[in-house]
Amino acid sequence: MPGKTFSLIEKGWTNSNRRHLALRAEISFGKSLVGILFVGLAAASCTTTPKPATAPVKAKSKQVQPAKVTFNYTTKDRDCLKRAMYFESEHSDEAGYMAVGSVVMNRLTSGAYADSICGVVAQKRQFAPGVMTRELKSQAEPELATAADAILSGERHPAVKDAMFFHTAGLKFPYNNMHYVTVAGGNAFYEKRDEDGTLETPPPLPSYEVAMNYVPGESMLPSQFEVLIPSAVPVPIPAPDPVATASTQPIPVIEPVTAIEPEPGMPIAIPTPRPAYDNVMLRGSIPANGG
């Protein structure tokens, strides 16, 4: 505006004052910038402080137990097992008994032999002659019973593995598929395997997949039929029929039949006896020889 114009110099703003003012502005700006940087670092330090690592929580998983295959056995089957162990191991010791017993169970659970212990032991030309008929010595009964119960409870000779065959130890045979696994009770036990080591027979079930179920008595019916047979239920007796029975019904009286006498002079028909089959005259359309 006219009359109002004035310069900085007139107000005392010299060049030195201007430089001093600029310097003070720079210092204030620097202080502000340092403050901003300090606040930012403090905030970053608060948000980026690492938390202590926690161990991951593992989910507990339930172990699924494999389903077991159940085989029934009777007192007779237990006796058959003892007989095989006794006569095949030459009445030796517990190791020999357990080895033979393991072979019997391997055959039973493989599905390639009979479906009962007695069926396996009694198979022709498989076990010792007379294994089902010879006499067991009473002195061996305690040890035999212990070994048989152990086999039926799931124990096996650990070295027998999948063997289903054995012969007297010391014998030699010219076959390449006899894979020997152990010797026990005077017998050499072997598996049948090909050149690649693959079993040539159906593999038996491992003992932990087998459940032996004792069935009282001698019956070996399948379980689904055993359920249908009541054991302690009395057989119902039907009530007497209200209709008169033979003991109360009166017996009808049969009137005697009077014979009819023929009148004099009436012809009487006399029946002709039936000829024998060999003397029957066949019709001409049917030949006598049946051809």
C-alpha atoms as a PDB file:
ATOM      1  CA  MET A   1       0.000   0.000   0.000  1.00  0.00           C
ATOM      2  CA  PRO A   2       1.278   3.567  -0.659  1.00  0.00           C
ATOM      3  CA  GLY A   3       2.901   5.048   2.358  1.00  0.00           C
ATOM      4  CA  LYS A   4       3.025   1.709   4.111  1.00  0.00           C
ATOM      5  CA  THR A   5       5.943   0.188   2.245  1.00  0.00           C
ATOM      6  CA  PHE A   6       9.068  -0.562   4.260  1.00  0.00           C
ATOM      7  CA  SER A   7      11.976  -2.893   3.981  1.00  0.00           C
ATOM      8  CA  LEU A   8      13.449  -5.396   6.331  1.00  0.00           C
ATOM      9  CA  ILE A   9      16.519  -3.284   6.688  1.00  0.00           C
ATOM     10  CA  GLU A  10      14.393  -0.404   7.924  1.00  0.00           C
ATOM     11  CA  LYS A  11      12.995  -2.679  10.605  1.00  0.00           C
ATOM     12  CA  GLY A  12      16.437  -3.786  11.670  1.00  0.00           C
ATOM     13  CA  TRP A  13      16.538  -7.050   9.588  1.00  0.00           C
ATOM     14  CA  THR A  14      20.011  -7.124   8.295  1.00  0.00           C
ATOM     15  CA  ASN A  15      21.661  -9.930   6.345  1.00  0.00           C
ATOM     16  CA  SER A  16      23.152 -11.206   9.566  1.00  0.00           C
ATOM     17  CA  ASN A  17      19.715 -11.330  11.154  1.00  0.00           C
ATOM     18  CA  ARG A  18      18.312 -13.213   8.204  1.00  0.00           C
ATOM     19  CA  ARG A  19      21.040 -15.875   8.411  1.00  0.00           C
ATOM     20  CA  HIS A  20      20.437 -16.200  12.145  1.00  0.00           C
ATOM     21  CA  LEU A  21      16.739 -16.698  11.544  1.00  0.00           C
ATOM     22  CA  ALA A  22      17.351 -19.378   8.943  1.00  0.00           C
ATOM     23  CA  LEU A  23      19.756 -21.171  11.258  1.00  0.00           C
ATOM     24  CA  ARG A  24      17.211 -21.169  14.072  1.00  0.00           C
ATOM     25  CA  ALA A  25      14.589 -22.600  11.713  1.00  0.00           C
ATOM     26  CA  GLU A  26      16.944 -25.367  10.657  1.00  0.00           C
ATOM     27  CA  ILE A  27      17.681 -26.182  14.309  1.00  0.00           C
ATOM     28  CA  SER A  28      13.961 -26.315  15.153  1.00  0.00           C
ATOM     29  CA  PHE A  29      13.290 -28.519  12.142  1.00  0.00           C
ATOM     30  CA  GLY A  30      16.140 -30.826  13.137  1.00  0.00           C
ATOM     31  CA  LYS A  31      14.812 -31.144  16.652  1.00  0.00           C
ATOM     32  CA  SER A  32      11.360 -31.935  15.324  1.00  0.00           C
ATOM     33  CA  LEU A  33      12.764 -34.548  12.969  1.00  0.00           C
ATOM     34  CA  VAL A  34      14.786 -36.194  15.733  1.00  0.00           C
ATOM     35  CA  GLY A  35      11.679 -36.298  17.910  1.00  0.00           C
ATOM     36  CA  ILE A  36       9.647 -37.903  15.171  1.00  0.00           C
ATOM     37  CA  LEU A  37      12.341 -40.510  14.560  1.00  0.00           C
ATOM     38  CA  PHE A  38      12.595 -41.265  18.292  1.00  0.00           C
ATOM     39  CA  VAL A  39       8.843 -41.723  18.647  1.00  0.00           C
ATOM     40  CA  GLY A  40       8.775 -43.957  15.572  1.00  0.00           C
ATOM     41  CA  LEU A  41      11.577 -46.160  16.861  1.00  0.00           C
ATOM     42  CA  ALA A  42       9.923 -46.432  20.248  1.00  0.00           C
ATOM     43  CA  ALA A  43       6.652 -47.466  18.661  1.00  0.00           C
ATOM     44  CA  ALA A  44       8.404 -49.980  16.424  1.00  0.00           C
ATOM     45  CA  SER A  45      10.247 -51.433  19.390  1.00  0.00           C
ATOM     46  CA  CYS A  46       6.961 -51.928  21.185  1.00  0.00           C
ATOM     47  CA  THR A  47       5.292 -53.712  18.300  1.00  0.00           C
ATOM     48  CA  THR A  48       8.193 -55.867  17.139  1.00  0.00           C
ATOM     49  CA  THR A  49       9.315 -57.288  20.458  1.00  0.00           C
ATOM     50  CA  PRO A  50       9.599 -61.062  19.815  1.00  0.00           C
ATOM     51  CA  LYS A  51       7.429 -63.285  21.931  1.00  0.00           C
ATOM     52  CA  PRO A  52       8.887 -66.436  23.434  1.00  0.00           C
ATOM     53  CA  ALA A  53       8.290 -69.413  21.143  1.00  0.00           C
ATOM     54  CA  THR A  54       5.838 -71.986  22.443  1.00  0.00           C
ATOM     55  CA  ALA A  55       6.144 -75.652  21.649  1.00  0.00           C
ATOM     56  CA  PRO A  56       3.472 -76.812  19.185  1.00  0.00           C
ATOM     57  CA  VAL A  57       0.740 -78.870  20.779  1.00  0.00           C
ATOM     58  CA  LYS A  58       0.586 -82.294  19.204  1.00  0.00           C
ATOM     59  CA  ALA A  59      -2.854 -83.714  18.716  1.00  0.00           C
ATOM     60  CA  LYS A  60      -3.303 -87.022  20.438  1.00  0.00           C
ATOM     61  CA  SER A  61      -4.207 -89.661  17.897  1.00  0.00           C
ATOM     62  CA  LYS A  62      -5.834 -92.919  18.894  1.00  0.00           C
ATOM     63  CA  GLN A  63      -4.058 -95.999  17.660  1.00  0.00           C
ATOM     64  CA  VAL A  64      -6.401 -98.189  15.685  1.00  0.00           C
ATOM     65  CA  GLN A  65      -6.076-101.797  16.755  1.00  0.00           C
ATOM     66  CA  PRO A  66      -6.216-104.245  13.835  1.00  0.00           C
ATOM     67  CA  ALA A  67      -9.203-106.534  13.756  1.00  0.00           C
ATOM     68  CA  LYS A  68      -8.425-110.070  14.905  1.00  0.00           C
ATOM     69  CA  VAL A  69      -9.450-113.254  13.149  1.00  0.00           C
ATOM     70  CA  THR A  70     -11.129-115.666  15.559  1.00  0.00           C
ATOM     71  CA  PHE A  71     -10.582-119.421  15.433  1.00  0.00           C
ATOM     72  CA  ASN A  72     -12.610-121.765  17.636  1.00  0.00           C
ATOM     73  CA  TYR A  73     -11.019-124.693  19.428  1.00  0.00           C
ATOM     74  CA  THR A  74     -12.242-127.422  21.740  1.00  0.00           C
ATOM     75  CA  THR A  75     -10.675-129.651  24.363  1.00  0.00           C
ATOM     76  CA  LYS A  76     -10.059-132.189  21.614  1.00  0.00           C
ATOM     77  CA  ASP A  77      -8.189-129.594  19.542  1.00  0.00           C
ATOM     78  CA  ARG A  78      -5.984-128.835  22.530  1.00  0.00           C
ATOM     79  CA  ASP A  79      -5.228-132.552  22.828  1.00  0.00           C
ATOM     80  CA  CYS A  80      -4.380-132.717  19.098  1.00  0.00           C
ATOM     81  CA  LEU A  81      -1.968-129.811  19.537  1.00  0.00           C
ATOM     82  CA  LYS A  82      -0.236-131.566  22.432  1.00  0.00           C
ATOM     83  CA  ARG A  83       0.051-134.765  20.419  1.00  0.00           C
ATOM     84  CA  ALA A  84       1.722-133.013  17.495  1.00  0.00           C
ATOM     85  CA  MET A  85       4.167-131.220  19.782  1.00  0.00           C
ATOM     86  CA  TYR A  86       4.990-134.395  21.721  1.00  0.00           C
ATOM     87  CA  PHE A  87       5.518-136.909  18.918  1.00  0.00           C
ATOM     88  CA  GLU A  88       7.102-134.533  16.380  1.00  0.00           C
ATOM     89  CA  SER A  89       9.640-133.044  18.775  1.00  0.00           C
ATOM     90  CA  GLU A  90      10.701-136.457  20.087  1.00  0.00           C
ATOM     91  CA  HIS A  91       9.431-135.509  23.573  1.00  0.00           C
ATOM     92  CA  SER A  92      12.354-133.104  23.823  1.00  0.00           C
ATOM     93  CA  ASP A  93      11.857-129.780  25.606  1.00  0.00           C
ATOM     94  CA  GLU A  94       9.794-126.604  25.678  1.00  0.00           C
ATOM     95  CA  ALA A  95      11.606-125.072  22.688  1.00  0.00           C
ATOM     96  CA  GLY A  96      10.842-128.139  20.586  1.00  0.00           C
ATOM     97  CA  TYR A  97       7.193-128.132  21.694  1.00  0.00           C
ATOM     98  CA  MET A  98       6.770-124.433  20.918  1.00  0.00           C
ATOM     99  CA  ALA A  99       8.396-124.759  17.494  1.00  0.00           C
ATOM    100  CA  VAL A 100       6.066-127.561  16.372  1.00  0.00           C
ATOM    101  CA  GLY A 101       3.082-125.777  17.896  1.00  0.00           C
ATOM    102  CA  SER A 102       3.983-122.641  15.928  1.00  0.00           C
ATOM    103  CA  VAL A 103       3.985-124.654  12.696  1.00  0.00           C
ATOM    104  CA  VAL A 104       0.524-126.041  13.504  1.00  0.00           C
ATOM    105  CA  MET A 105      -0.811-122.526  14.094  1.00  0.00           C
ATOM    106  CA  ASN A 106       0.879-121.202  10.948  1.00  0.00           C
ATOM    107  CA  ARG A 107      -0.894-123.844   8.915  1.00  0.00           C
ATOM    108  CA  LEU A 108      -4.211-123.163  10.618  1.00  0.00           C
ATOM    109  CA  THR A 109      -4.104-119.402   9.997  1.00  0.00           C
ATOM    110  CA  SER A 110      -2.716-119.569   6.444  1.00  0.00           C
ATOM    111  CA  GLY A 111      -5.988-120.801   4.958  1.00  0.00           C
ATOM    112  CA  ALA A 112      -4.141-123.436   2.915  1.00  0.00           C
ATOM    113  CA  TYR A 113      -4.894-126.292   5.314  1.00  0.00           C
ATOM    114  CA  ALA A 114      -7.803-127.490   7.467  1.00  0.00           C
ATOM    115  CA  ASP A 115      -9.798-124.959   9.479  1.00  0.00           C
ATOM    116  CA  SER A 116      -9.309-126.685  12.848  1.00  0.00           C
ATOM    117  CA  ILE A 117      -6.287-127.792  14.865  1.00  0.00           C
ATOM    118  CA  CYS A 118      -7.287-131.445  14.761  1.00  0.00           C
ATOM    119  CA  GLY A 119      -7.879-131.161  11.022  1.00  0.00           C
ATOM    120  CA  VAL A 120      -4.352-129.842  10.543  1.00  0.00           C
ATOM    121  CA  VAL A 121      -2.690-132.460  12.759  1.00  0.00           C
ATOM    122  CA  ALA A 122      -4.692-135.402  11.390  1.00  0.00           C
ATOM    123  CA  GLN A 123      -3.973-134.617   7.730  1.00  0.00           C
ATOM    124  CA  LYS A 124      -2.502-137.657   6.007  1.00  0.00           C
ATOM    125  CA  ARG A 125       1.248-137.898   5.486  1.00  0.00           C
ATOM    126  CA  GLN A 126       1.930-134.575   7.183  1.00  0.00           C
ATOM    127  CA  PHE A 127       2.805-135.420  10.771  1.00  0.00           C
ATOM    128  CA  ALA A 128       4.304-138.429  12.544  1.00  0.00           C
ATOM    129  CA  PRO A 129       2.596-141.802  11.978  1.00  0.00           C
ATOM    130  CA  GLY A 130       0.188-142.598  14.785  1.00  0.00           C
ATOM    131  CA  VAL A 131       0.148-139.013  16.040  1.00  0.00           C
ATOM    132  CA  MET A 132      -3.596-139.291  16.710  1.00  0.00           C
ATOM    133  CA  THR A 133      -3.597-142.772  18.264  1.00  0.00           C
ATOM    134  CA  ARG A 134      -0.361-143.370  20.162  1.00  0.00           C
ATOM    135  CA  GLU A 135      -0.181-143.039  23.927  1.00  0.00           C
ATOM    136  CA  LEU A 136       1.107-139.885  25.570  1.00  0.00           C
ATOM    137  CA  LYS A 137       3.394-140.403  28.539  1.00  0.00           C
ATOM    138  CA  SER A 138       1.923-138.910  31.694  1.00  0.00           C
ATOM    139  CA  GLN A 139       5.340-137.612  32.738  1.00  0.00           C
ATOM    140  CA  ALA A 140       5.295-135.108  29.863  1.00  0.00           C
ATOM    141  CA  GLU A 141       1.765-133.867  30.536  1.00  0.00           C
ATOM    142  CA  PRO A 142       2.619-130.829  32.749  1.00  0.00           C
ATOM    143  CA  GLU A 143       5.162-129.358  30.334  1.00  0.00           C
ATOM    144  CA  LEU A 144       2.990-130.203  27.320  1.00  0.00           C
ATOM    145  CA  ALA A 145      -0.051-128.544  28.859  1.00  0.00           C
ATOM    146  CA  THR A 146       1.952-125.387  29.612  1.00  0.00           C
ATOM    147  CA  ALA A 147       3.286-125.203  26.048  1.00  0.00           C
ATOM    148  CA  ALA A 148      -0.131-125.856  24.492  1.00  0.00           C
ATOM    149  CA  ASP A 149      -1.797-123.156  26.593  1.00  0.00           C
ATOM    150  CA  ALA A 150       0.962-120.709  25.662  1.00  0.00           C
ATOM    151  CA  ILE A 151       0.423-121.398  21.949  1.00  0.00           C
ATOM    152  CA  LEU A 152      -3.341-120.982  22.272  1.00  0.00           C
ATOM    153  CA  SER A 153      -2.767-117.703  24.156  1.00  0.00           C
ATOM    154  CA  GLY A 154      -0.808-116.244  21.244  1.00  0.00           C
ATOM    155  CA  GLU A 155       2.813-117.145  22.010  1.00  0.00           C
ATOM    156  CA  ARG A 156       5.056-118.487  19.234  1.00  0.00           C
ATOM    157  CA  HIS A 157       8.603-119.706  18.856  1.00  0.00           C
ATOM    158  CA  PRO A 158      10.289-116.465  17.693  1.00  0.00           C
ATOM    159  CA  ALA A 159      12.666-118.161  15.248  1.00  0.00           C
ATOM    160  CA  VAL A 160      10.027-120.208  13.399  1.00  0.00           C
ATOM    161  CA  LYS A 161       8.587-117.096  11.694  1.00  0.00           C
ATOM    162  CA  ASP A 162       6.400-118.143   8.713  1.00  0.00           C
ATOM    163  CA  ALA A 163       7.682-121.733   8.541  1.00  0.00           C
ATOM    164  CA  MET A 164       5.079-124.407   7.872  1.00  0.00           C
ATOM    165  CA  PHE A 165       7.460-127.297   7.241  1.00  0.00           C
ATOM    166  CA  PHE A 166      10.179-129.218   9.077  1.00  0.00           C
ATOM    167  CA  HIS A 167      12.088-132.469   8.945  1.00  0.00           C
ATOM    168  CA  THR A 168      14.556-134.346  11.129  1.00  0.00           C
ATOM    169  CA  ALA A 169      17.662-132.244  11.637  1.00  0.00           C
ATOM    170  CA  GLY A 170      20.723-133.409   9.734  1.00  0.00           C
ATOM    171  CA  LEU A 171      18.914-134.590   6.609  1.00  0.00           C
ATOM    172  CA  LYS A 172      19.693-132.996   3.250  1.00  0.00           C
ATOM    173  CA  PHE A 173      17.367-132.521   0.277  1.00  0.00           C
ATOM    174  CA  PRO A 174      18.177-131.291  -3.264  1.00  0.00           C
ATOM    175  CA  TYR A 175      15.570-128.502  -3.331  1.00  0.00           C
ATOM    176  CA  ASN A 176      16.367-124.829  -3.781  1.00  0.00           C
ATOM    177  CA  ASN A 177      13.179-123.472  -2.194  1.00  0.00           C
ATOM    178  CA  MET A 178      13.859-124.741   1.344  1.00  0.00           C
ATOM    179  CA  HIS A 179      14.693-121.622   3.318  1.00  0.00           C
ATOM    180  CA  TYR A 180      15.796-122.815   6.778  1.00  0.00           C
ATOM    181  CA  VAL A 181      15.014-120.588   9.762  1.00  0.00           C
ATOM    182  CA  THR A 182      15.898-122.584  12.906  1.00  0.00           C
ATOM    183  CA  VAL A 183      16.553-125.965  14.511  1.00  0.00           C
ATOM    184  CA  ALA A 184      14.642-126.997  17.643  1.00  0.00           C
ATOM    185  CA  GLY A 185      13.597-130.257  19.266  1.00  0.00           C
ATOM    186  CA  GLY A 186      15.610-132.335  16.795  1.00  0.00           C
ATOM    187  CA  ASN A 187      13.867-130.775  13.757  1.00  0.00           C
ATOM    188  CA  ALA A 188      14.992-128.308  11.090  1.00  0.00           C
ATOM    189  CA  PHE A 189      12.260-125.790  10.267  1.00  0.00           C
ATOM    190  CA  TYR A 190      12.034-124.089   6.880  1.00  0.00           C
ATOM    191  CA  GLU A 191       9.913-121.838   4.688  1.00  0.00           C
ATOM    192  CA  LYS A 192       9.302-122.423   0.994  1.00  0.00           C
ATOM    193  CA  ARG A 193      10.601-119.404  -0.924  1.00  0.00           C
ATOM    194  CA  ASP A 194      11.499-118.792  -4.567  1.00  0.00           C
ATOM    195  CA  GLU A 195      14.754-117.347  -5.890  1.00  0.00           C
ATOM    196  CA  ASP A 196      13.593-113.799  -5.106  1.00  0.00           C
ATOM    197  CA  GLY A 197      12.809-114.709  -1.493  1.00  0.00           C
ATOM    198  CA  THR A 198       9.036-114.588  -1.962  1.00  0.00           C
ATOM    199  CA  LEU A 199       6.935-117.090  -0.019  1.00  0.00           C
ATOM    200  CA  GLU A 200       5.524-119.830  -2.212  1.00  0.00           C
ATOM    201  CA  THR A 201       2.783-120.555   0.310  1.00  0.00           C
ATOM    202  CA  PRO A 202      -0.009-118.311   1.645  1.00  0.00           C
ATOM    203  CA  PRO A 203       1.492-116.310   4.528  1.00  0.00           C
ATOM    204  CA  PRO A 204       0.145-117.196   7.982  1.00  0.00           C
ATOM    205  CA  LEU A 205      -1.416-114.543  10.166  1.00  0.00           C
ATOM    206  CA  PRO A 206       0.835-112.989  12.817  1.00  0.00           C
ATOM    207  CA  SER A 207      -0.091-114.011  16.334  1.00  0.00           C
ATOM    208  CA  TYR A 208      -1.334-110.518  17.275  1.00  0.00           C
ATOM    209  CA  GLU A 209      -4.015-110.802  14.575  1.00  0.00           C
ATOM    210  CA  VAL A 210      -5.294-114.165  15.843  1.00  0.00           C
ATOM    211  CA  ALA A 211      -7.800-114.745  18.646  1.00  0.00           C
ATOM    212  CA  MET A 212      -8.403-118.300  19.839  1.00  0.00           C
ATOM    213  CA  ASN A 213     -11.912-118.876  21.226  1.00  0.00           C
ATOM    214  CA  TYR A 214     -12.510-121.898  23.453  1.00  0.00           C
ATOM    215  CA  VAL A 215     -15.769-123.712  22.703  1.00  0.00           C
ATOM    216  CA  PRO A 216     -16.877-126.166  25.437  1.00  0.00           C
ATOM    217  CA  GLY A 217     -17.759-129.626  24.216  1.00  0.00           C
ATOM    218  CA  GLU A 218     -16.865-131.306  20.966  1.00  0.00           C
ATOM    219  CA  SER A 219     -19.065-129.259  18.637  1.00  0.00           C
ATOM    220  CA  MET A 220     -17.243-127.172  16.050  1.00  0.00           C
ATOM    221  CA  LEU A 221     -20.259-125.488  14.474  1.00  0.00           C
ATOM    222  CA  PRO A 222     -19.642-122.016  13.063  1.00  0.00           C
ATOM    223  CA  SER A 223     -20.349-119.243  15.549  1.00  0.00           C
ATOM    224  CA  GLN A 224     -23.437-118.022  13.693  1.00  0.00           C
ATOM    225  CA  PHE A 225     -25.058-121.437  14.168  1.00  0.00           C
ATOM    226  CA  GLU A 226     -24.015-121.768  17.803  1.00  0.00           C
ATOM    227  CA  VAL A 227     -25.988-118.649  18.643  1.00  0.00           C
ATOM    228  CA  LEU A 228     -29.143-120.336  17.415  1.00  0.00           C
ATOM    229  CA  ILE A 229     -28.746-123.282  19.791  1.00  0.00           C
ATOM    230  CA  PRO A 230     -29.999-122.437  23.327  1.00  0.00           C
ATOM    231  CA  SER A 231     -27.975-124.037  26.097  1.00  0.00           C
ATOM    232  CA  ALA A 232     -30.138-123.616  29.198  1.00  0.00           C
ATOM    233  CA  VAL A 233     -33.596-122.835  27.819  1.00  0.00           C
ATOM    234  CA  PRO A 234     -36.096-125.642  28.521  1.00  0.00           C
ATOM    235  CA  VAL A 235     -37.943-127.107  25.589  1.00  0.00           C
ATOM    236  CA  PRO A 236     -41.606-125.980  25.764  1.00  0.00           C
ATOM    237  CA  ILE A 237     -44.200-128.747  26.059  1.00  0.00           C
ATOM    238  CA  PRO A 238     -47.399-128.068  24.107  1.00  0.00           C
ATOM    239  CA  ALA A 239     -50.659-127.954  26.067  1.00  0.00           C
ATOM    240  CA  PRO A 240     -53.107-130.824  25.529  1.00  0.00           C
ATOM    241  CA  ASP A 241     -55.550-130.418  22.665  1.00  0.00           C
ATOM    242  CA  PRO A 242     -59.049-129.539  23.943  1.00  0.00           C
ATOM    243  CA  VAL A 243     -60.505-131.836  21.301  1.00  0.00           C
ATOM    244  CA  ALA A 244     -61.236-135.340  22.563  1.00  0.00           C
ATOM    245  CA  THR A 245     -58.173-137.571  22.401  1.00  0.00           C
ATOM    246  CA  ALA A 246     -57.865-141.313  21.940  1.00  0.00           C
ATOM    247  CA  SER A 247     -58.229-141.854  25.678  1.00  0.00           C
ATOM    248  CA  THR A 248     -61.570-139.980  25.955  1.00  0.00           C
ATOM    249  CA  GLN A 249     -63.193-140.399  22.563  1.00  0.00           C
ATOM    250  CA  PRO A 250     -65.627-143.325  22.467  1.00  0.00           C
ATOM    251  CA  ILE A 251     -64.740-146.059  20.062  1.00  0.00           C
ATOM    252  CA  PRO A 252     -67.442-146.407  17.409  1.00  0.00           C
ATOM    253  CA  VAL A 253     -69.100-149.767  17.218  1.00  0.00           C
ATOM    254  CA  ILE A 254     -68.827-151.328  13.777  1.00  0.00           C
ATOM    255  CA  GLU A 255     -71.883-153.328  12.787  1.00  0.00           C
ATOM    256  CA  PRO A 256     -71.081-156.711  11.289  1.00  0.00           C
ATOM    257  CA  VAL A 257     -71.681-156.947   7.556  1.00  0.00           C
ATOM    258  CA  THR A 258     -74.045-159.687   6.496  1.00  0.00           C
ATOM    259  CA  ALA A 259     -72.842-161.677   3.514  1.00  0.00           C
ATOM    260  CA  ILE A 260     -75.153-161.611   0.502  1.00  0.00           C
ATOM    261  CA  GLU A 261     -76.002-165.065  -0.644  1.00  0.00           C
ATOM    262  CA  PRO A 262     -76.350-165.465  -4.437  1.00  0.00           C
ATOM    263  CA  GLU A 263     -79.625-166.604  -5.774  1.00  0.00           C
ATOM    264  CA  PRO A 264     -79.803-170.042  -7.354  1.00  0.00           C
ATOM    265  CA  GLY A 265     -78.909-169.979 -11.041  1.00  0.00           C
ATOM    266  CA  MET A 266     -77.134-166.572 -10.877  1.00  0.00           C
ATOM    267  CA  PRO A 267     -73.698-166.614 -12.614  1.00  0.00           C
ATOM    268  CA  ILE A 268     -70.765-165.965 -10.353  1.00  0.00           C
ATOM    269  CA  ALA A 269     -67.728-163.989 -11.605  1.00  0.00           C
ATOM    270  CA  ILE A 270     -64.486-165.611 -10.516  1.00  0.00           C
ATOM    271  CA  PRO A 271     -61.494-163.182 -10.514  1.00  0.00           C
ATOM    272  CA  THR A 272     -58.547-164.231 -12.648  1.00  0.00           C
ATOM    273  CA  PRO A 273     -55.135-164.064 -10.896  1.00  0.00           C
ATOM    274  CA  ARG A 274     -52.777-161.353 -12.163  1.00  0.00           C
ATOM    275  CA  PRO A 275     -50.016-162.907 -14.291  1.00  0.00           C
ATOM    276  CA  ALA A 276     -46.392-162.517 -13.346  1.00  0.00           C
ATOM    277  CA  TYR A 277     -44.456-159.634 -14.902  1.00  0.00           C
ATOM    278  CA  ASP A 278     -42.296-161.947 -17.001  1.00  0.00           C
ATOM    279  CA  ASN A 279     -45.370-163.543 -18.570  1.00  0.00           C
ATOM    280  CA  VAL A 280     -47.140-160.312 -19.546  1.00  0.00           C
ATOM    281  CA  MET A 281     -47.589-160.062 -23.282  1.00  0.00           C
ATOM    282  CA  LEU A 282     -46.320-156.680 -24.425  1.00  0.00           C
ATOM    283  CA  ARG A 283     -48.012-154.648 -27.054  1.00  0.00           C
ATOM    284  CA  GLY A 284     -46.567-154.913 -30.549  1.00  0.00           C
ATOM    285  CA  SER A 285     -45.555-151.239 -30.566  1.00  0.00           C
ATOM    286  CA  ILE A 286     -43.321-151.741 -27.556  1.00  0.00           C
ATOM    287  CA  PRO A 287     -40.381-154.121 -28.109  1.00  0.00           C
ATOM    288  CA  ALA A 288     -39.777-156.670 -25.386  1.00  0.00           C
ATOM    289  CA  ASN A 289     -36.123-155.661 -24.863  1.00  0.00           C
ATOM    290  CA  GLY A 290     -37.022-152.062 -24.067  1.00  0.00           C
ATOM    291  CA  GLY A 291     -34.903-150.669 -26.932  1.00  0.00           C
END
